[in-house]
PDB file of N, CA and C in Angstrom:
ATOM      1  N   UNK A   1     -47.120 -54.509  42.581  1.00  0.00           N
ATOM      2  CA  UNK A   1     -47.951 -54.143  41.454  1.00  0.00           C
ATOM      3  C   UNK A   1     -48.667 -52.813  41.722  1.00  0.00           C
ATOM      4  N   UNK A   2     -49.227 -52.673  42.903  1.00  0.00           N
ATOM      5  CA  UNK A   2     -49.959 -51.458  43.242  1.00  0.00           C
ATOM      6  C   UNK A   2     -49.013 -50.255  43.269  1.00  0.00           C
ATOM      7  N   UNK A   3     -47.801 -50.461  43.771  1.00  0.00           N
ATOM      8  CA  UNK A   3     -46.833 -49.366  43.818  1.00  0.00           C
ATOM      9  C   UNK A   3     -46.484 -48.877  42.418  1.00  0.00           C
ATOM     10  N   UNK A   4     -46.425 -49.797  41.463  1.00  0.00           N
ATOM     11  CA  UNK A   4     -46.111 -49.412  40.088  1.00  0.00           C
ATOM     12  C   UNK A   4     -47.207 -48.499  39.531  1.00  0.00           C
ATOM     13  N   UNK A   5     -48.469 -48.805  39.800  1.00  0.00           N
ATOM     14  CA  UNK A   5     -49.561 -47.968  39.321  1.00  0.00           C
ATOM     15  C   UNK A   5     -49.561 -46.608  40.010  1.00  0.00           C
ATOM     16  N   UNK A   6     -49.211 -46.583  41.279  1.00  0.00           N
ATOM     17  CA  UNK A   6     -49.096 -45.293  41.976  1.00  0.00           C
ATOM     18  C   UNK A   6     -47.984 -44.447  41.353  1.00  0.00           C
ATOM     19  N   UNK A   7     -46.880 -45.098  41.034  1.00  0.00           N
ATOM     20  CA  UNK A   7     -45.777 -44.384  40.394  1.00  0.00           C
ATOM     21  C   UNK A   7     -46.180 -43.850  39.021  1.00  0.00           C
ATOM     22  N   UNK A   8     -46.922 -44.657  38.252  1.00  0.00           N
ATOM     23  CA  UNK A   8     -47.386 -44.201  36.936  1.00  0.00           C
ATOM     24  C   UNK A   8     -48.330 -43.010  37.079  1.00  0.00           C
ATOM     25  N   UNK A   9     -49.187 -43.046  38.088  1.00  0.00           N
ATOM     26  CA  UNK A   9     -50.113 -41.936  38.340  1.00  0.00           C
ATOM     27  C   UNK A   9     -49.333 -40.669  38.703  1.00  0.00           C
ATOM     28  N   UNK A  10     -48.302 -40.824  39.525  1.00  0.00           N
ATOM     29  CA  UNK A  10     -47.462 -39.685  39.900  1.00  0.00           C
ATOM     30  C   UNK A  10     -46.744 -39.111  38.675  1.00  0.00           C
ATOM     31  N   UNK A  11     -46.285 -40.000  37.781  1.00  0.00           N
ATOM     32  CA  UNK A  11     -45.602 -39.539  36.577  1.00  0.00           C
ATOM     33  C   UNK A  11     -46.555 -38.758  35.670  1.00  0.00           C
ATOM     34  N   UNK A  12     -47.791 -39.277  35.495  1.00  0.00           N
ATOM     35  CA  UNK A  12     -48.768 -38.557  34.669  1.00  0.00           C
ATOM     36  C   UNK A  12     -49.079 -37.190  35.260  1.00  0.00           C
ATOM     37  N   UNK A  13     -49.169 -37.118  36.584  1.00  0.00           N
ATOM     38  CA  UNK A  13     -49.441 -35.848  37.253  1.00  0.00           C
ATOM     39  C   UNK A  13     -48.302 -34.854  37.009  1.00  0.00           C
ATOM     40  N   UNK A  14     -47.057 -35.312  37.105  1.00  0.00           N
ATOM     41  CA  UNK A  14     -45.911 -34.448  36.836  1.00  0.00           C
ATOM     42  C   UNK A  14     -45.883 -33.992  35.384  1.00  0.00           C
ATOM     43  N   UNK A  15     -46.184 -34.909  34.451  1.00  0.00           N
ATOM     44  CA  UNK A  15     -46.205 -34.541  33.030  1.00  0.00           C
ATOM     45  C   UNK A  15     -47.251 -33.467  32.764  1.00  0.00           C
ATOM     46  N   UNK A  16     -48.432 -33.601  33.353  1.00  0.00           N
ATOM     47  CA  UNK A  16     -49.481 -32.600  33.153  1.00  0.00           C
ATOM     48  C   UNK A  16     -49.064 -31.251  33.727  1.00  0.00           C
ATOM     49  N   UNK A  17     -48.370 -31.255  34.865  1.00  0.00           N
ATOM     50  CA  UNK A  17     -47.913 -30.000  35.468  1.00  0.00           C
ATOM     51  C   UNK A  17     -46.850 -29.318  34.615  1.00  0.00           C
ATOM     52  N   UNK A  18     -45.930 -30.102  34.074  1.00  0.00           N
ATOM     53  CA  UNK A  18     -44.783 -29.524  33.375  1.00  0.00           C
ATOM     54  C   UNK A  18     -45.024 -29.278  31.893  1.00  0.00           C
ATOM     55  N   UNK A  19     -45.812 -30.139  31.230  1.00  0.00           N
ATOM     56  CA  UNK A  19     -46.006 -30.030  29.782  1.00  0.00           C
ATOM     57  C   UNK A  19     -47.420 -29.621  29.391  1.00  0.00           C
ATOM     58  N   UNK A  20     -48.360 -29.700  30.314  1.00  0.00           N
ATOM     59  CA  UNK A  20     -49.757 -29.460  29.993  1.00  0.00           C
ATOM     60  C   UNK A  20     -50.092 -28.004  29.709  1.00  0.00           C
ATOM     61  N   UNK A  21     -51.085 -27.825  28.837  1.00  0.00           N
ATOM     62  CA  UNK A  21     -51.593 -26.499  28.475  1.00  0.00           C
ATOM     63  C   UNK A  21     -53.110 -26.547  28.598  1.00  0.00           C
ATOM     64  N   UNK A  22     -53.693 -25.502  29.149  1.00  0.00           N
ATOM     65  CA  UNK A  22     -55.153 -25.452  29.253  1.00  0.00           C
ATOM     66  C   UNK A  22     -55.763 -25.279  27.868  1.00  0.00           C
ATOM     67  N   UNK A  23     -56.826 -26.023  27.604  1.00  0.00           N
ATOM     68  CA  UNK A  23     -57.482 -25.989  26.298  1.00  0.00           C
ATOM     69  C   UNK A  23     -58.061 -24.592  26.050  1.00  0.00           C
ATOM     70  N   UNK A  24     -57.632 -23.898  24.981  1.00  0.00           N
ATOM     71  CA  UNK A  24     -58.127 -22.542  24.723  1.00  0.00           C
ATOM     72  C   UNK A  24     -59.611 -22.516  24.348  1.00  0.00           C
ATOM     73  N   UNK A  25     -60.119 -23.584  23.737  1.00  0.00           N
ATOM     74  CA  UNK A  25     -61.528 -23.631  23.361  1.00  0.00           C
ATOM     75  C   UNK A  25     -62.398 -23.799  24.603  1.00  0.00           C
ATOM     76  N   UNK A  26     -61.937 -24.590  25.577  1.00  0.00           N
ATOM     77  CA  UNK A  26     -62.675 -24.730  26.838  1.00  0.00           C
ATOM     78  C   UNK A  26     -62.757 -23.388  27.569  1.00  0.00           C
ATOM     79  N   UNK A  27     -61.659 -22.642  27.554  1.00  0.00           N
ATOM     80  CA  UNK A  27     -61.635 -21.335  28.215  1.00  0.00           C
ATOM     81  C   UNK A  27     -62.623 -20.389  27.544  1.00  0.00           C
ATOM     82  N   UNK A  28     -62.696 -20.451  26.212  1.00  0.00           N
ATOM     83  CA  UNK A  28     -63.581 -19.567  25.452  1.00  0.00           C
ATOM     84  C   UNK A  28     -65.054 -19.945  25.614  1.00  0.00           C
ATOM     85  N   UNK A  29     -65.357 -21.226  25.482  1.00  0.00           N
ATOM     86  CA  UNK A  29     -66.761 -21.664  25.471  1.00  0.00           C
ATOM     87  C   UNK A  29     -67.329 -21.958  26.846  1.00  0.00           C
ATOM     88  N   UNK A  30     -66.470 -22.365  27.782  1.00  0.00           N
ATOM     89  CA  UNK A  30     -66.930 -22.714  29.125  1.00  0.00           C
ATOM     90  C   UNK A  30     -66.155 -21.893  30.154  1.00  0.00           C
ATOM     91  N   UNK A  31     -66.406 -20.583  30.222  1.00  0.00           N
ATOM     92  CA  UNK A  31     -65.565 -19.713  31.054  1.00  0.00           C
ATOM     93  C   UNK A  31     -65.622 -20.012  32.557  1.00  0.00           C
ATOM     94  N   UNK A  32     -66.715 -20.585  33.049  1.00  0.00           N
ATOM     95  CA  UNK A  32     -66.818 -20.850  34.485  1.00  0.00           C
ATOM     96  C   UNK A  32     -66.294 -22.230  34.877  1.00  0.00           C
ATOM     97  N   UNK A  33     -66.111 -23.112  33.913  1.00  0.00           N
ATOM     98  CA  UNK A  33     -65.633 -24.466  34.183  1.00  0.00           C
ATOM     99  C   UNK A  33     -64.103 -24.523  34.142  1.00  0.00           C
ATOM    100  N   UNK A  34     -63.542 -25.528  34.788  1.00  0.00           N
ATOM    101  CA  UNK A  34     -62.104 -25.752  34.719  1.00  0.00           C
ATOM    102  C   UNK A  34     -61.758 -26.283  33.331  1.00  0.00           C
ATOM    103  N   UNK A  35     -60.817 -25.676  32.629  1.00  0.00           N
ATOM    104  CA  UNK A  35     -60.455 -26.174  31.289  1.00  0.00           C
ATOM    105  C   UNK A  35     -59.666 -27.484  31.395  1.00  0.00           C
ATOM    106  N   UNK A  36     -59.763 -28.302  30.361  1.00  0.00           N
ATOM    107  CA  UNK A  36     -59.005 -29.546  30.292  1.00  0.00           C
ATOM    108  C   UNK A  36     -57.525 -29.206  30.123  1.00  0.00           C
ATOM    109  N   UNK A  37     -56.660 -30.017  30.702  1.00  0.00           N
ATOM    110  CA  UNK A  37     -55.226 -29.853  30.546  1.00  0.00           C
ATOM    111  C   UNK A  37     -54.773 -30.837  29.479  1.00  0.00           C
ATOM    112  N   UNK A  38     -54.202 -30.309  28.388  1.00  0.00           N
ATOM    113  CA  UNK A  38     -53.815 -31.129  27.249  1.00  0.00           C
ATOM    114  C   UNK A  38     -52.304 -31.275  27.159  1.00  0.00           C
ATOM    115  N   UNK A  39     -51.864 -32.484  26.856  1.00  0.00           N
ATOM    116  CA  UNK A  39     -50.468 -32.732  26.550  1.00  0.00           C
ATOM    117  C   UNK A  39     -50.273 -32.566  25.054  1.00  0.00           C
ATOM    118  N   UNK A  40     -49.061 -32.681  24.581  1.00  0.00           N
ATOM    119  CA  UNK A  40     -48.734 -32.492  23.162  1.00  0.00           C
ATOM    120  C   UNK A  40     -49.540 -33.449  22.288  1.00  0.00           C
ATOM    121  N   UNK A  41     -50.307 -32.904  21.346  1.00  0.00           N
ATOM    122  CA  UNK A  41     -51.074 -33.711  20.397  1.00  0.00           C
ATOM    123  C   UNK A  41     -52.344 -34.327  20.949  1.00  0.00           C
ATOM    124  N   UNK A  42     -52.686 -34.074  22.190  1.00  0.00           N
ATOM    125  CA  UNK A  42     -53.876 -34.669  22.808  1.00  0.00           C
ATOM    126  C   UNK A  42     -55.139 -33.963  22.320  1.00  0.00           C
ATOM    127  N   UNK A  43     -56.257 -34.704  22.281  1.00  0.00           N
ATOM    128  CA  UNK A  43     -57.528 -34.180  21.801  1.00  0.00           C
ATOM    129  C   UNK A  43     -58.428 -33.861  22.993  1.00  0.00           C
ATOM    130  N   UNK A  44     -59.070 -32.688  22.967  1.00  0.00           N
ATOM    131  CA  UNK A  44     -60.059 -32.305  23.980  1.00  0.00           C
ATOM    132  C   UNK A  44     -61.432 -32.613  23.407  1.00  0.00           C
ATOM    133  N   UNK A  45     -62.151 -33.519  24.054  1.00  0.00           N
ATOM    134  CA  UNK A  45     -63.472 -33.923  23.569  1.00  0.00           C
ATOM    135  C   UNK A  45     -64.602 -33.313  24.398  1.00  0.00           C
ATOM    136  N   UNK A  46     -64.313 -32.234  25.100  1.00  0.00           N
ATOM    137  CA  UNK A  46     -65.322 -31.610  25.952  1.00  0.00           C
ATOM    138  C   UNK A  46     -66.326 -30.795  25.156  1.00  0.00           C
ATOM    139  N   UNK A  47     -66.069 -30.551  23.895  1.00  0.00           N
ATOM    140  CA  UNK A  47     -66.946 -29.727  23.065  1.00  0.00           C
ATOM    141  C   UNK A  47     -66.823 -30.167  21.620  1.00  0.00           C
ATOM    142  N   UNK A  48     -67.727 -29.730  20.781  1.00  0.00           N
ATOM    143  CA  UNK A  48     -67.673 -30.037  19.346  1.00  0.00           C
ATOM    144  C   UNK A  48     -67.410 -28.737  18.596  1.00  0.00           C
ATOM    145  N   UNK A  49     -66.646 -28.669  17.582  1.00  0.00           N
ATOM    146  CA  UNK A  49     -65.727 -29.696  17.106  1.00  0.00           C
ATOM    147  C   UNK A  49     -64.565 -29.864  18.085  1.00  0.00           C
ATOM    148  N   UNK A  50     -63.979 -31.051  18.099  1.00  0.00           N
ATOM    149  CA  UNK A  50     -62.898 -31.352  19.027  1.00  0.00           C
ATOM    150  C   UNK A  50     -61.666 -30.511  18.704  1.00  0.00           C
ATOM    151  N   UNK A  51     -60.915 -30.200  19.742  1.00  0.00           N
ATOM    152  CA  UNK A  51     -59.686 -29.410  19.581  1.00  0.00           C
ATOM    153  C   UNK A  51     -58.485 -30.319  19.828  1.00  0.00           C
ATOM    154  N   UNK A  52     -57.501 -30.274  18.941  1.00  0.00           N
ATOM    155  CA  UNK A  52     -56.255 -31.030  19.117  1.00  0.00           C
ATOM    156  C   UNK A  52     -55.127 -30.048  19.365  1.00  0.00           C
ATOM    157  N   UNK A  53     -54.331 -30.328  20.390  1.00  0.00           N
ATOM    158  CA  UNK A  53     -53.176 -29.492  20.703  1.00  0.00           C
ATOM    159  C   UNK A  53     -52.175 -29.598  19.552  1.00  0.00           C
ATOM    160  N   UNK A  54     -51.840 -28.480  18.890  1.00  0.00           N
ATOM    161  CA  UNK A  54     -51.001 -28.538  17.688  1.00  0.00           C
ATOM    162  C   UNK A  54     -49.504 -28.704  17.946  1.00  0.00           C
ATOM    163  N   UNK A  55     -49.071 -28.720  19.190  1.00  0.00           N
ATOM    164  CA  UNK A  55     -47.635 -28.807  19.462  1.00  0.00           C
ATOM    165  C   UNK A  55     -47.074 -30.166  19.041  1.00  0.00           C
ATOM    166  N   UNK A  56     -45.836 -30.194  18.538  1.00  0.00           N
ATOM    167  CA  UNK A  56     -45.222 -31.470  18.155  1.00  0.00           C
ATOM    168  C   UNK A  56     -44.890 -32.301  19.402  1.00  0.00           C
ATOM    169  N   UNK A  57     -44.677 -33.597  19.238  1.00  0.00           N
ATOM    170  CA  UNK A  57     -44.339 -34.453  20.393  1.00  0.00           C
ATOM    171  C   UNK A  57     -43.066 -33.987  21.091  1.00  0.00           C
ATOM    172  N   UNK A  58     -42.956 -34.330  22.356  1.00  0.00           N
ATOM    173  CA  UNK A  58     -41.805 -33.952  23.167  1.00  0.00           C
ATOM    174  C   UNK A  58     -40.635 -34.863  22.809  1.00  0.00           C
ATOM    175  N   UNK A  59     -39.457 -34.277  22.649  1.00  0.00           N
ATOM    176  CA  UNK A  59     -38.266 -35.086  22.405  1.00  0.00           C
ATOM    177  C   UNK A  59     -37.745 -35.619  23.740  1.00  0.00           C
ATOM    178  N   UNK A  60     -36.899 -36.619  23.667  1.00  0.00           N
ATOM    179  CA  UNK A  60     -36.339 -37.216  24.877  1.00  0.00           C
ATOM    180  C   UNK A  60     -35.504 -36.195  25.652  1.00  0.00           C
ATOM    181  N   UNK A  61     -34.794 -35.325  24.937  1.00  0.00           N
ATOM    182  CA  UNK A  61     -33.979 -34.303  25.608  1.00  0.00           C
ATOM    183  C   UNK A  61     -34.850 -33.315  26.376  1.00  0.00           C
ATOM    184  N   UNK A  62     -35.950 -32.870  25.761  1.00  0.00           N
ATOM    185  CA  UNK A  62     -36.870 -31.950  26.437  1.00  0.00           C
ATOM    186  C   UNK A  62     -37.496 -32.611  27.661  1.00  0.00           C
ATOM    187  N   UNK A  63     -37.881 -33.875  27.505  1.00  0.00           N
ATOM    188  CA  UNK A  63     -38.487 -34.614  28.617  1.00  0.00           C
ATOM    189  C   UNK A  63     -37.500 -34.733  29.770  1.00  0.00           C
ATOM    190  N   UNK A  64     -36.274 -35.148  29.470  1.00  0.00           N
ATOM    191  CA  UNK A  64     -35.270 -35.329  30.517  1.00  0.00           C
ATOM    192  C   UNK A  64     -34.921 -34.010  31.203  1.00  0.00           C
ATOM    193  N   UNK A  65     -34.877 -32.921  30.437  1.00  0.00           N
ATOM    194  CA  UNK A  65     -34.574 -31.610  31.030  1.00  0.00           C
ATOM    195  C   UNK A  65     -35.707 -31.157  31.960  1.00  0.00           C
ATOM    196  N   UNK A  66     -36.946 -31.380  31.554  1.00  0.00           N
ATOM    197  CA  UNK A  66     -38.080 -30.944  32.366  1.00  0.00           C
ATOM    198  C   UNK A  66     -38.276 -31.823  33.601  1.00  0.00           C
ATOM    199  N   UNK A  67     -37.942 -33.107  33.482  1.00  0.00           N
ATOM    200  CA  UNK A  67     -38.169 -34.041  34.587  1.00  0.00           C
ATOM    201  C   UNK A  67     -36.913 -34.256  35.435  1.00  0.00           C
ATOM    202  N   UNK A  68     -35.896 -33.430  35.244  1.00  0.00           N
ATOM    203  CA  UNK A  68     -34.660 -33.570  36.017  1.00  0.00           C
ATOM    204  C   UNK A  68     -34.969 -33.460  37.508  1.00  0.00           C
ATOM    205  N   UNK A  69     -34.393 -34.359  38.268  1.00  0.00           N
ATOM    206  CA  UNK A  69     -34.586 -34.339  39.712  1.00  0.00           C
ATOM    207  C   UNK A  69     -35.776 -35.148  40.182  1.00  0.00           C
ATOM    208  N   UNK A  70     -36.562 -35.690  39.272  1.00  0.00           N
ATOM    209  CA  UNK A  70     -37.727 -36.481  39.677  1.00  0.00           C
ATOM    210  C   UNK A  70     -37.464 -37.974  39.605  1.00  0.00           C
ATOM    211  N   UNK A  71     -36.394 -38.370  38.904  1.00  0.00           N
ATOM    212  CA  UNK A  71     -36.094 -39.781  38.746  1.00  0.00           C
ATOM    213  C   UNK A  71     -36.681 -40.382  37.488  1.00  0.00           C
ATOM    214  N   UNK A  72     -37.451 -39.602  36.735  1.00  0.00           N
ATOM    215  CA  UNK A  72     -38.045 -40.097  35.488  1.00  0.00           C
ATOM    216  C   UNK A  72     -37.195 -39.660  34.321  1.00  0.00           C
ATOM    217  N   UNK A  73     -36.851 -40.606  33.457  1.00  0.00           N
ATOM    218  CA  UNK A  73     -36.063 -40.296  32.263  1.00  0.00           C
ATOM    219  C   UNK A  73     -36.653 -41.041  31.079  1.00  0.00           C
ATOM    220  N   UNK A  74     -36.285 -40.604  29.907  1.00  0.00           N
ATOM    221  CA  UNK A  74     -36.734 -41.232  28.677  1.00  0.00           C
ATOM    222  C   UNK A  74     -35.501 -41.546  27.839  1.00  0.00           C
ATOM    223  N   UNK A  75     -35.437 -42.745  27.297  1.00  0.00           N
ATOM    224  CA  UNK A  75     -34.295 -43.126  26.473  1.00  0.00           C
ATOM    225  C   UNK A  75     -34.397 -42.461  25.116  1.00  0.00           C
ATOM    226  N   UNK A  76     -33.253 -42.085  24.581  1.00  0.00           N
ATOM    227  CA  UNK A  76     -33.210 -41.452  23.270  1.00  0.00           C
ATOM    228  C   UNK A  76     -33.255 -42.523  22.188  1.00  0.00           C
ATOM    229  N   UNK A  77     -33.975 -42.235  21.108  1.00  0.00           N
ATOM    230  CA  UNK A  77     -34.045 -43.157  19.977  1.00  0.00           C
ATOM    231  C   UNK A  77     -32.771 -43.030  19.167  1.00  0.00           C
ATOM    232  N   UNK A  78     -32.323 -44.156  18.629  1.00  0.00           N
ATOM    233  CA  UNK A  78     -31.085 -44.139  17.844  1.00  0.00           C
ATOM    234  C   UNK A  78     -31.370 -44.290  16.399  1.00  0.00           C
TER     235      UNK A  78
END
């Protein structure tokens, strides 16, 4: 059970590295702080009004191409 949670944590870390974008509003308003890393469609609640990443969701093909060699894959919807 614990190994599964470690694996999920590792997967989230890889997703943030490969798909994440630094919040542009955090960079503008909080220049000395580390900006939040946002995934597709995620909301940054570090400031008001909240900022939502406008990028569309990742397709299974994009996910599989970016995560190639890591052992993580996503099934395609039919």
